[in-house]
Amino acid sequence: MRYLSNIAENRLSMLEHQRDVTDRMLASATACERENEDADWDGVIATLIDTKSNLEHQIETISDWDQERLEDIAHDRADHMRQLRLEDA
């Protein structure tokens, strides 16, 4: 289970980095569009916005999964401790 958490943590870190890079690309594309009104940046900007949205969705999904996993582990440990106390009584 710990191995899965490490994979999730690494994936989350990579996705957050990709989101940050996408943010910078979006800022650059928006600035280029303002500077050069003759160029059509709408498609590029729309694609970057979609990419950022997808990355944020993946980040949220992994974060939710990891939180649920940690809550399950805590619940299992509490059950185990209760069982040990019952056995000792």
PDB file of N, CA and C in Angstrom:
ATOM      1  N   MET A   1       0.820  -1.188   0.000  1.00  0.00           N
ATOM      2  CA  MET A   1       0.000   0.000   0.000  1.00  0.00           C
ATOM      3  C   MET A   1       0.870   1.262   0.000  1.00  0.00           C
ATOM      4  N   ARG A   2       1.967   1.213   0.729  1.00  0.00           N
ATOM      5  CA  ARG A   2       2.875   2.364   0.773  1.00  0.00           C
ATOM      6  C   ARG A   2       3.408   2.666  -0.625  1.00  0.00           C
ATOM      7  N   TYR A   3       3.679   1.602  -1.386  1.00  0.00           N
ATOM      8  CA  TYR A   3       4.192   1.760  -2.744  1.00  0.00           C
ATOM      9  C   TYR A   3       3.193   2.538  -3.603  1.00  0.00           C
ATOM     10  N   LEU A   4       1.907   2.220  -3.461  1.00  0.00           N
ATOM     11  CA  LEU A   4       0.887   2.940  -4.223  1.00  0.00           C
ATOM     12  C   LEU A   4       0.855   4.407  -3.841  1.00  0.00           C
ATOM     13  N   SER A   5       1.034   4.697  -2.559  1.00  0.00           N
ATOM     14  CA  SER A   5       1.053   6.082  -2.121  1.00  0.00           C
ATOM     15  C   SER A   5       2.228   6.833  -2.732  1.00  0.00           C
ATOM     16  N   ASN A   6       3.389   6.183  -2.818  1.00  0.00           N
ATOM     17  CA  ASN A   6       4.551   6.820  -3.435  1.00  0.00           C
ATOM     18  C   ASN A   6       4.297   7.098  -4.908  1.00  0.00           C
ATOM     19  N   ILE A   7       3.662   6.161  -5.586  1.00  0.00           N
ATOM     20  CA  ILE A   7       3.322   6.364  -7.003  1.00  0.00           C
ATOM     21  C   ILE A   7       2.364   7.541  -7.134  1.00  0.00           C
ATOM     22  N   ALA A   8       1.347   7.577  -6.275  1.00  0.00           N
ATOM     23  CA  ALA A   8       0.374   8.676  -6.312  1.00  0.00           C
ATOM     24  C   ALA A   8       1.055  10.011  -6.033  1.00  0.00           C
ATOM     25  N   GLU A   9       1.962  10.016  -5.068  1.00  0.00           N
ATOM     26  CA  GLU A   9       2.676  11.246  -4.721  1.00  0.00           C
ATOM     27  C   GLU A   9       3.542  11.728  -5.885  1.00  0.00           C
ATOM     28  N   ASN A  10       4.237  10.799  -6.528  1.00  0.00           N
ATOM     29  CA  ASN A  10       5.070  11.161  -7.682  1.00  0.00           C
ATOM     30  C   ASN A  10       4.211  11.666  -8.836  1.00  0.00           C
ATOM     31  N   ARG A  11       3.098  11.000  -9.095  1.00  0.00           N
ATOM     32  CA  ARG A  11       2.191  11.416 -10.171  1.00  0.00           C
ATOM     33  C   ARG A  11       1.619  12.800  -9.864  1.00  0.00           C
ATOM     34  N   LEU A  12       1.240  13.009  -8.625  1.00  0.00           N
ATOM     35  CA  LEU A  12       0.688  14.297  -8.214  1.00  0.00           C
ATOM     36  C   LEU A  12       1.710  15.410  -8.416  1.00  0.00           C
ATOM     37  N   SER A  13       2.940  15.151  -8.041  1.00  0.00           N
ATOM     38  CA  SER A  13       4.002  16.137  -8.212  1.00  0.00           C
ATOM     39  C   SER A  13       4.208  16.462  -9.685  1.00  0.00           C
ATOM     40  N   MET A  14       4.205  15.435 -10.527  1.00  0.00           N
ATOM     41  CA  MET A  14       4.383  15.651 -11.965  1.00  0.00           C
ATOM     42  C   MET A  14       3.215  16.457 -12.550  1.00  0.00           C
ATOM     43  N   LEU A  15       1.991  16.116 -12.144  1.00  0.00           N
ATOM     44  CA  LEU A  15       0.819  16.836 -12.643  1.00  0.00           C
ATOM     45  C   LEU A  15       0.830  18.303 -12.195  1.00  0.00           C
ATOM     46  N   GLU A  16       1.234  18.543 -10.954  1.00  0.00           N
ATOM     47  CA  GLU A  16       1.318  19.927 -10.475  1.00  0.00           C
ATOM     48  C   GLU A  16       2.361  20.710 -11.256  1.00  0.00           C
ATOM     49  N   HIS A  17       3.473  20.066 -11.583  1.00  0.00           N
ATOM     50  CA  HIS A  17       4.498  20.718 -12.400  1.00  0.00           C
ATOM     51  C   HIS A  17       3.942  21.017 -13.795  1.00  0.00           C
ATOM     52  N   GLN A  18       3.257  20.067 -14.385  1.00  0.00           N
ATOM     53  CA  GLN A  18       2.664  20.285 -15.717  1.00  0.00           C
ATOM     54  C   GLN A  18       1.652  21.423 -15.673  1.00  0.00           C
ATOM     55  N   ARG A  19       0.867  21.499 -14.600  1.00  0.00           N
ATOM     56  CA  ARG A  19      -0.109  22.581 -14.469  1.00  0.00           C
ATOM     57  C   ARG A  19       0.603  23.929 -14.390  1.00  0.00           C
ATOM     58  N   ASP A  20       1.707  24.000 -13.634  1.00  0.00           N
ATOM     59  CA  ASP A  20       2.460  25.245 -13.516  1.00  0.00           C
ATOM     60  C   ASP A  20       3.046  25.664 -14.867  1.00  0.00           C
ATOM     61  N   VAL A  21       3.576  24.700 -15.600  1.00  0.00           N
ATOM     62  CA  VAL A  21       4.126  24.992 -16.931  1.00  0.00           C
ATOM     63  C   VAL A  21       3.001  25.462 -17.857  1.00  0.00           C
ATOM     64  N   THR A  22       1.866  24.806 -17.789  1.00  0.00           N
ATOM     65  CA  THR A  22       0.721  25.196 -18.618  1.00  0.00           C
ATOM     66  C   THR A  22       0.264  26.606 -18.263  1.00  0.00           C
ATOM     67  N   ASP A  23       0.281  26.956 -16.992  1.00  0.00           N
ATOM     68  CA  ASP A  23      -0.069  28.325 -16.563  1.00  0.00           C
ATOM     69  C   ASP A  23       0.865  29.346 -17.205  1.00  0.00           C
ATOM     70  N   ARG A  24       2.158  29.035 -17.199  1.00  0.00           N
ATOM     71  CA  ARG A  24       3.128  29.965 -17.806  1.00  0.00           C
ATOM     72  C   ARG A  24       2.918  30.062 -19.318  1.00  0.00           C
ATOM     73  N   MET A  25       2.641  28.934 -19.956  1.00  0.00           N
ATOM     74  CA  MET A  25       2.384  28.944 -21.401  1.00  0.00           C
ATOM     75  C   MET A  25       1.126  29.751 -21.717  1.00  0.00           C
ATOM     76  N   LEU A  26       0.104  29.603 -20.888  1.00  0.00           N
ATOM     77  CA  LEU A  26      -1.146  30.346 -21.073  1.00  0.00           C
ATOM     78  C   LEU A  26      -0.911  31.848 -20.908  1.00  0.00           C
ATOM     79  N   ALA A  27      -0.118  32.221 -19.926  1.00  0.00           N
ATOM     80  CA  ALA A  27       0.202  33.638 -19.724  1.00  0.00           C
ATOM     81  C   ALA A  27       0.973  34.180 -20.925  1.00  0.00           C
ATOM     82  N   SER A  28       1.909  33.394 -21.450  1.00  0.00           N
ATOM     83  CA  SER A  28       2.684  33.831 -22.617  1.00  0.00           C
ATOM     84  C   SER A  28       1.802  33.959 -23.847  1.00  0.00           C
ATOM     85  N   ALA A  29       0.934  32.989 -24.060  1.00  0.00           N
ATOM     86  CA  ALA A  29       0.039  33.035 -25.229  1.00  0.00           C
ATOM     87  C   ALA A  29      -0.907  34.216 -25.140  1.00  0.00           C
ATOM     88  N   THR A  30      -1.398  34.493 -23.939  1.00  0.00           N
ATOM     89  CA  THR A  30      -2.299  35.632 -23.746  1.00  0.00           C
ATOM     90  C   THR A  30      -1.561  36.943 -24.020  1.00  0.00           C
ATOM     91  N   ALA A  31      -0.321  37.040 -23.552  1.00  0.00           N
ATOM     92  CA  ALA A  31       0.482  38.245 -23.801  1.00  0.00           C
ATOM     93  C   ALA A  31       0.764  38.397 -25.290  1.00  0.00           C
ATOM     94  N   CYS A  32       1.093  37.302 -25.968  1.00  0.00           N
ATOM     95  CA  CYS A  32       1.353  37.362 -27.411  1.00  0.00           C
ATOM     96  C   CYS A  32       0.104  37.803 -28.177  1.00  0.00           C
ATOM     97  N   GLU A  33      -1.048  37.320 -27.737  1.00  0.00           N
ATOM     98  CA  GLU A  33      -2.295  37.703 -28.403  1.00  0.00           C
ATOM     99  C   GLU A  33      -2.527  39.207 -28.265  1.00  0.00           C
ATOM    100  N   ARG A  34      -2.244  39.756 -27.083  1.00  0.00           N
ATOM    101  CA  ARG A  34      -2.434  41.193 -26.857  1.00  0.00           C
ATOM    102  C   ARG A  34      -1.461  42.031 -27.683  1.00  0.00           C
ATOM    103  N   GLU A  35      -0.218  41.528 -27.813  1.00  0.00           N
ATOM    104  CA  GLU A  35       0.813  42.268 -28.531  1.00  0.00           C
ATOM    105  C   GLU A  35       0.617  42.219 -30.043  1.00  0.00           C
ATOM    106  N   ASN A  36       0.060  41.150 -30.534  1.00  0.00           N
ATOM    107  CA  ASN A  36      -0.088  40.976 -31.976  1.00  0.00           C
ATOM    108  C   ASN A  36      -1.536  40.642 -32.293  1.00  0.00           C
ATOM    109  N   GLU A  37      -2.323  41.656 -32.504  1.00  0.00           N
ATOM    110  CA  GLU A  37      -3.749  41.454 -32.724  1.00  0.00           C
ATOM    111  C   GLU A  37      -4.054  40.745 -34.038  1.00  0.00           C
ATOM    112  N   ASP A  38      -3.109  40.732 -34.968  1.00  0.00           N
ATOM    113  CA  ASP A  38      -3.329  40.064 -36.245  1.00  0.00           C
ATOM    114  C   ASP A  38      -3.257  38.547 -36.135  1.00  0.00           C
ATOM    115  N   ALA A  39      -2.553  38.051 -35.122  1.00  0.00           N
ATOM    116  CA  ALA A  39      -2.405  36.603 -34.952  1.00  0.00           C
ATOM    117  C   ALA A  39      -3.629  36.035 -34.237  1.00  0.00           C
ATOM    118  N   ASP A  40      -3.956  34.815 -34.590  1.00  0.00           N
ATOM    119  CA  ASP A  40      -5.102  34.151 -33.980  1.00  0.00           C
ATOM    120  C   ASP A  40      -4.605  33.160 -32.926  1.00  0.00           C
ATOM    121  N   TRP A  41      -4.702  33.573 -31.694  1.00  0.00           N
ATOM    122  CA  TRP A  41      -4.243  32.752 -30.579  1.00  0.00           C
ATOM    123  C   TRP A  41      -5.387  32.029 -29.878  1.00  0.00           C
ATOM    124  N   ASP A  42      -6.611  32.217 -30.351  1.00  0.00           N
ATOM    125  CA  ASP A  42      -7.772  31.643 -29.672  1.00  0.00           C
ATOM    126  C   ASP A  42      -7.667  30.126 -29.521  1.00  0.00           C
ATOM    127  N   GLY A  43      -7.255  29.444 -30.576  1.00  0.00           N
ATOM    128  CA  GLY A  43      -7.136  27.986 -30.529  1.00  0.00           C
ATOM    129  C   GLY A  43      -6.085  27.531 -29.533  1.00  0.00           C
ATOM    130  N   VAL A  44      -4.959  28.213 -29.536  1.00  0.00           N
ATOM    131  CA  VAL A  44      -3.874  27.869 -28.612  1.00  0.00           C
ATOM    132  C   VAL A  44      -4.324  28.096 -27.172  1.00  0.00           C
ATOM    133  N   ILE A  45      -4.936  29.238 -26.924  1.00  0.00           N
ATOM    134  CA  ILE A  45      -5.390  29.574 -25.573  1.00  0.00           C
ATOM    135  C   ILE A  45      -6.466  28.592 -25.109  1.00  0.00           C
ATOM    136  N   ALA A  46      -7.401  28.265 -25.993  1.00  0.00           N
ATOM    137  CA  ALA A  46      -8.459  27.307 -25.639  1.00  0.00           C
ATOM    138  C   ALA A  46      -7.869  25.934 -25.306  1.00  0.00           C
ATOM    139  N   THR A  47      -6.884  25.507 -26.080  1.00  0.00           N
ATOM    140  CA  THR A  47      -6.238  24.216 -25.817  1.00  0.00           C
ATOM    141  C   THR A  47      -5.516  24.227 -24.480  1.00  0.00           C
ATOM    142  N   LEU A  48      -4.825  25.312 -24.185  1.00  0.00           N
ATOM    143  CA  LEU A  48      -4.117  25.414 -22.909  1.00  0.00           C
ATOM    144  C   LEU A  48      -5.093  25.443 -21.728  1.00  0.00           C
ATOM    145  N   ILE A  49      -6.203  26.124 -21.899  1.00  0.00           N
ATOM    146  CA  ILE A  49      -7.226  26.160 -20.840  1.00  0.00           C
ATOM    147  C   ILE A  49      -7.792  24.759 -20.614  1.00  0.00           C
ATOM    148  N   ASP A  50      -8.078  24.036 -21.700  1.00  0.00           N
ATOM    149  CA  ASP A  50      -8.565  22.657 -21.580  1.00  0.00           C
ATOM    150  C   ASP A  50      -7.530  21.757 -20.916  1.00  0.00           C
ATOM    151  N   THR A  51      -6.274  21.924 -21.289  1.00  0.00           N
ATOM    152  CA  THR A  51      -5.198  21.127 -20.702  1.00  0.00           C
ATOM    153  C   THR A  51      -5.092  21.391 -19.210  1.00  0.00           C
ATOM    154  N   LYS A  52      -5.146  22.663 -18.834  1.00  0.00           N
ATOM    155  CA  LYS A  52      -5.064  23.018 -17.414  1.00  0.00           C
ATOM    156  C   LYS A  52      -6.242  22.436 -16.638  1.00  0.00           C
ATOM    157  N   SER A  53      -7.419  22.505 -17.221  1.00  0.00           N
ATOM    158  CA  SER A  53      -8.609  21.947 -16.574  1.00  0.00           C
ATOM    159  C   SER A  53      -8.470  20.442 -16.379  1.00  0.00           C
ATOM    160  N   ASN A  54      -7.963  19.764 -17.394  1.00  0.00           N
ATOM    161  CA  ASN A  54      -7.751  18.320 -17.298  1.00  0.00           C
ATOM    162  C   ASN A  54      -6.728  17.987 -16.218  1.00  0.00           C
ATOM    163  N   LEU A  55      -5.645  18.741 -16.168  1.00  0.00           N
ATOM    164  CA  LEU A  55      -4.620  18.521 -15.145  1.00  0.00           C
ATOM    165  C   LEU A  55      -5.188  18.739 -13.746  1.00  0.00           C
ATOM    166  N   GLU A  56      -5.974  19.795 -13.574  1.00  0.00           N
ATOM    167  CA  GLU A  56      -6.567  20.074 -12.273  1.00  0.00           C
ATOM    168  C   GLU A  56      -7.523  18.956 -11.860  1.00  0.00           C
ATOM    169  N   HIS A  57      -8.266  18.412 -12.822  1.00  0.00           N
ATOM    170  CA  HIS A  57      -9.163  17.293 -12.532  1.00  0.00           C
ATOM    171  C   HIS A  57      -8.369  16.069 -12.070  1.00  0.00           C
ATOM    172  N   GLN A  58      -7.269  15.770 -12.763  1.00  0.00           N
ATOM    173  CA  GLN A  58      -6.438  14.632 -12.373  1.00  0.00           C
ATOM    174  C   GLN A  58      -5.823  14.837 -10.983  1.00  0.00           C
ATOM    175  N   ILE A  59      -5.369  16.051 -10.708  1.00  0.00           N
ATOM    176  CA  ILE A  59      -4.794  16.371  -9.396  1.00  0.00           C
ATOM    177  C   ILE A  59      -5.845  16.158  -8.302  1.00  0.00           C
ATOM    178  N   GLU A  60      -7.048  16.658  -8.544  1.00  0.00           N
ATOM    179  CA  GLU A  60      -8.124  16.510  -7.571  1.00  0.00           C
ATOM    180  C   GLU A  60      -8.478  15.034  -7.356  1.00  0.00           C
ATOM    181  N   THR A  61      -8.532  14.267  -8.426  1.00  0.00           N
ATOM    182  CA  THR A  61      -8.867  12.851  -8.323  1.00  0.00           C
ATOM    183  C   THR A  61      -7.833  12.092  -7.510  1.00  0.00           C
ATOM    184  N   ILE A  62      -6.563  12.332  -7.781  1.00  0.00           N
ATOM    185  CA  ILE A  62      -5.499  11.648  -7.045  1.00  0.00           C
ATOM    186  C   ILE A  62      -5.490  12.092  -5.587  1.00  0.00           C
ATOM    187  N   SER A  63      -5.679  13.369  -5.339  1.00  0.00           N
ATOM    188  CA  SER A  63      -5.704  13.872  -3.961  1.00  0.00           C
ATOM    189  C   SER A  63      -6.866  13.255  -3.182  1.00  0.00           C
ATOM    190  N   ASP A  64      -8.042  13.183  -3.813  1.00  0.00           N
ATOM    191  CA  ASP A  64      -9.208  12.575  -3.162  1.00  0.00           C
ATOM    192  C   ASP A  64      -8.957  11.097  -2.876  1.00  0.00           C
ATOM    193  N   TRP A  65      -8.389  10.386  -3.860  1.00  0.00           N
ATOM    194  CA  TRP A  65      -8.101   8.959  -3.674  1.00  0.00           C
ATOM    195  C   TRP A  65      -7.135   8.757  -2.514  1.00  0.00           C
ATOM    196  N   ASP A  66      -6.080   9.560  -2.461  1.00  0.00           N
ATOM    197  CA  ASP A  66      -5.086   9.397  -1.404  1.00  0.00           C
ATOM    198  C   ASP A  66      -5.689   9.716  -0.040  1.00  0.00           C
ATOM    199  N   GLN A  67      -6.530  10.732   0.036  1.00  0.00           N
ATOM    200  CA  GLN A  67      -7.183  11.073   1.305  1.00  0.00           C
ATOM    201  C   GLN A  67      -8.088   9.930   1.757  1.00  0.00           C
ATOM    202  N   GLU A  68      -8.861   9.363   0.846  1.00  0.00           N
ATOM    203  CA  GLU A  68      -9.721   8.231   1.188  1.00  0.00           C
ATOM    204  C   GLU A  68      -8.887   7.036   1.649  1.00  0.00           C
ATOM    205  N   ARG A  69      -7.773   6.800   0.986  1.00  0.00           N
ATOM    206  CA  ARG A  69      -6.889   5.690   1.343  1.00  0.00           C
ATOM    207  C   ARG A  69      -6.355   5.879   2.760  1.00  0.00           C
ATOM    208  N   LEU A  70      -5.930   7.104   3.084  1.00  0.00           N
ATOM    209  CA  LEU A  70      -5.414   7.381   4.422  1.00  0.00           C
ATOM    210  C   LEU A  70      -6.500   7.225   5.483  1.00  0.00           C
ATOM    211  N   GLU A  71      -7.709   7.656   5.163  1.00  0.00           N
ATOM    212  CA  GLU A  71      -8.828   7.488   6.103  1.00  0.00           C
ATOM    213  C   GLU A  71      -9.140   6.011   6.317  1.00  0.00           C
ATOM    214  N   ASP A  72      -9.084   5.211   5.256  1.00  0.00           N
ATOM    215  CA  ASP A  72      -9.310   3.765   5.375  1.00  0.00           C
ATOM    216  C   ASP A  72      -8.248   3.113   6.254  1.00  0.00           C
ATOM    217  N   ILE A  73      -7.000   3.522   6.081  1.00  0.00           N
ATOM    218  CA  ILE A  73      -5.907   2.974   6.896  1.00  0.00           C
ATOM    219  C   ILE A  73      -6.132   3.328   8.366  1.00  0.00           C
ATOM    220  N   ALA A  74      -6.498   4.566   8.637  1.00  0.00           N
ATOM    221  CA  ALA A  74      -6.742   4.995  10.020  1.00  0.00           C
ATOM    222  C   ALA A  74      -7.907   4.207  10.624  1.00  0.00           C
ATOM    223  N   HIS A  75      -8.948   3.997   9.856  1.00  0.00           N
ATOM    224  CA  HIS A  75     -10.107   3.234  10.328  1.00  0.00           C
ATOM    225  C   HIS A  75      -9.712   1.786  10.613  1.00  0.00           C
ATOM    226  N   ASP A  76      -8.946   1.187   9.709  1.00  0.00           N
ATOM    227  CA  ASP A  76      -8.492  -0.199   9.906  1.00  0.00           C
ATOM    228  C   ASP A  76      -7.618  -0.328  11.153  1.00  0.00           C
ATOM    229  N   ARG A  77      -6.751   0.640  11.360  1.00  0.00           N
ATOM    230  CA  ARG A  77      -5.884   0.606  12.550  1.00  0.00           C
ATOM    231  C   ARG A  77      -6.701   0.739  13.830  1.00  0.00           C
ATOM    232  N   ALA A  78      -7.695   1.627  13.801  1.00  0.00           N
ATOM    233  CA  ALA A  78      -8.557   1.800  14.979  1.00  0.00           C
ATOM    234  C   ALA A  78      -9.322   0.506  15.256  1.00  0.00           C
ATOM    235  N   ASP A  79      -9.841  -0.134  14.217  1.00  0.00           N
ATOM    236  CA  ASP A  79     -10.527  -1.416  14.396  1.00  0.00           C
ATOM    237  C   ASP A  79      -9.590  -2.469  14.971  1.00  0.00           C
ATOM    238  N   HIS A  80      -8.373  -2.496  14.475  1.00  0.00           N
ATOM    239  CA  HIS A  80      -7.392  -3.462  14.955  1.00  0.00           C
ATOM    240  C   HIS A  80      -7.080  -3.220  16.437  1.00  0.00           C
ATOM    241  N   MET A  81      -6.914  -1.979  16.819  1.00  0.00           N
ATOM    242  CA  MET A  81      -6.622  -1.649  18.217  1.00  0.00           C
ATOM    243  C   MET A  81      -7.802  -2.030  19.112  1.00  0.00           C
ATOM    244  N   ARG A  82      -9.033  -1.784  18.667  1.00  0.00           N
ATOM    245  CA  ARG A  82     -10.217  -2.183  19.440  1.00  0.00           C
ATOM    246  C   ARG A  82     -10.245  -3.702  19.614  1.00  0.00           C
ATOM    247  N   GLN A  83      -9.929  -4.412  18.553  1.00  0.00           N
ATOM    248  CA  GLN A  83      -9.918  -5.867  18.605  1.00  0.00           C
ATOM    249  C   GLN A  83      -8.855  -6.363  19.601  1.00  0.00           C
ATOM    250  N   LEU A  84      -7.689  -5.742  19.590  1.00  0.00           N
ATOM    251  CA  LEU A  84      -6.647  -6.115  20.545  1.00  0.00           C
ATOM    252  C   LEU A  84      -7.082  -5.860  21.973  1.00  0.00           C
ATOM    253  N   ARG A  85      -7.740  -4.746  22.231  1.00  0.00           N
ATOM    254  CA  ARG A  85      -8.224  -4.434  23.585  1.00  0.00           C
ATOM    255  C   ARG A  85      -9.278  -5.450  24.018  1.00  0.00           C
ATOM    256  N   LEU A  86     -10.151  -5.853  23.095  1.00  0.00           N
ATOM    257  CA  LEU A  86     -11.161  -6.854  23.418  1.00  0.00           C
ATOM    258  C   LEU A  86     -10.524  -8.203  23.764  1.00  0.00           C
ATOM    259  N   GLU A  87      -9.477  -8.548  23.013  1.00  0.00           N
ATOM    260  CA  GLU A  87      -8.777  -9.803  23.266  1.00  0.00           C
ATOM    261  C   GLU A  87      -8.054  -9.778  24.605  1.00  0.00           C
ATOM    262  N   ASP A  88      -7.532  -8.619  24.998  1.00  0.00           N
ATOM    263  CA  ASP A  88      -6.819  -8.486  26.261  1.00  0.00           C
ATOM    264  C   ASP A  88      -7.773  -8.488  27.458  1.00  0.00           C
ATOM    265  N   ALA A  89      -9.008  -8.119  27.243  1.00  0.00           N
ATOM    266  CA  ALA A  89      -9.981  -8.010  28.352  1.00  0.00           C
ATOM    267  C   ALA A  89     -10.501  -9.319  28.809  1.00  0.00           C
TER     268      ALA A  89
END
